[in-house]
Protein backbone atom coordinates (compact mmCIF):
# COMPACT_ATOMS: atom_id res chain seq x y z
CA MET A 1 -0.27 0.03 0.16
CA PRO A 2 1.68 3.41 -0.89
CA ASP A 3 1.84 5.70 1.95
CA LYS A 4 0.04 9.01 1.81
CA LYS A 5 1.10 12.03 0.84
CA SER A 6 1.48 15.12 2.86
CA PRO A 7 -1.11 18.06 2.19
CA ILE A 8 1.94 20.17 3.60
CA ASN A 9 5.46 19.68 2.51
CA PHE A 10 8.06 20.85 5.33
CA ASP A 11 12.02 20.37 4.83
CA LYS A 12 14.14 22.08 7.08
CA THR A 13 18.16 21.92 8.09
CA ILE A 14 18.72 22.32 12.09
CA ALA A 15 21.80 22.03 13.36
CA GLY A 16 23.22 19.33 10.40
CA PHE A 17 20.12 17.08 10.64
CA ASN A 18 17.35 17.32 7.80
CA VAL A 19 13.82 17.04 9.38
CA THR A 20 10.97 16.45 7.43
CA GLU A 21 7.31 16.02 8.45
CA ARG A 22 8.21 12.53 8.55
CA GLY A 23 11.33 12.92 10.81
CA ILE A 24 14.64 13.32 10.56
CA LYS A 25 16.11 11.87 7.49
CA SER A 26 19.77 12.01 7.26
CA TYR A 27 22.77 14.40 9.04
CA SER A 28 25.03 16.18 6.82
CA LYS A 29 28.64 17.67 8.32
CA SER A 30 30.73 20.07 5.82
CA PHE A 31 34.58 20.82 6.03
CA SER A 32 36.88 23.02 4.81
CA LEU A 33 40.30 21.31 3.16
CA GLY A 34 42.70 24.61 2.26
CA PRO A 35 40.59 25.75 -1.45
CA PHE A 36 38.18 22.42 -0.86
CA ARG A 37 34.80 21.61 1.07
CA LEU A 38 34.20 18.35 1.64
CA THR A 39 30.45 17.48 2.66
CA LEU A 40 29.87 14.54 4.26
CA ASN A 41 25.97 12.87 4.37
CA ALA A 42 24.74 10.07 6.49
CA ARG A 43 21.20 8.61 6.39
CA GLY A 44 19.84 5.29 6.37
CA SER A 45 21.75 3.83 2.98
CA GLY A 46 24.79 4.91 4.11
CA VAL A 47 27.40 7.55 4.18
CA ARG A 48 27.81 9.49 0.79
CA GLY A 49 29.91 12.56 0.07
CA SER A 50 30.51 15.69 -2.53
CA ILE A 51 33.86 17.61 -3.36
CA SER A 52 33.93 21.02 -4.26
CA ILE A 53 35.00 24.39 -4.99
CA PRO A 54 33.41 27.34 -2.71
CA GLY A 55 32.20 30.35 -4.84
CA THR A 56 32.76 28.56 -8.43
CA GLY A 57 29.49 25.97 -8.66
CA LEU A 58 32.46 23.16 -9.27
CA SER A 59 31.45 19.81 -7.29
CA LYS A 60 31.99 16.15 -7.59
CA ARG A 61 28.56 15.24 -5.87
CA ASN A 62 27.25 11.74 -4.61
CA ILE A 63 30.63 10.05 -3.76
CA LYS A 64 30.04 6.53 -1.59
CA LEU A 65 31.99 6.10 1.23
CA ILE A 66 30.62 3.67 3.32
């Protein structure tokens, strides 16, 4: 049976936790490493990351770490 869709959508990041109307979905944290920014995102399916150069729009996303 499919999940019933919510009439109101709520999606907010609070202290690194992504919270929706159905609860906490993931946790993310960013680190600066010289000219690069490393972002880790942990959720039920595992840990993924991205590396980017801030201010340029250049990034490599969705790197599976665990």
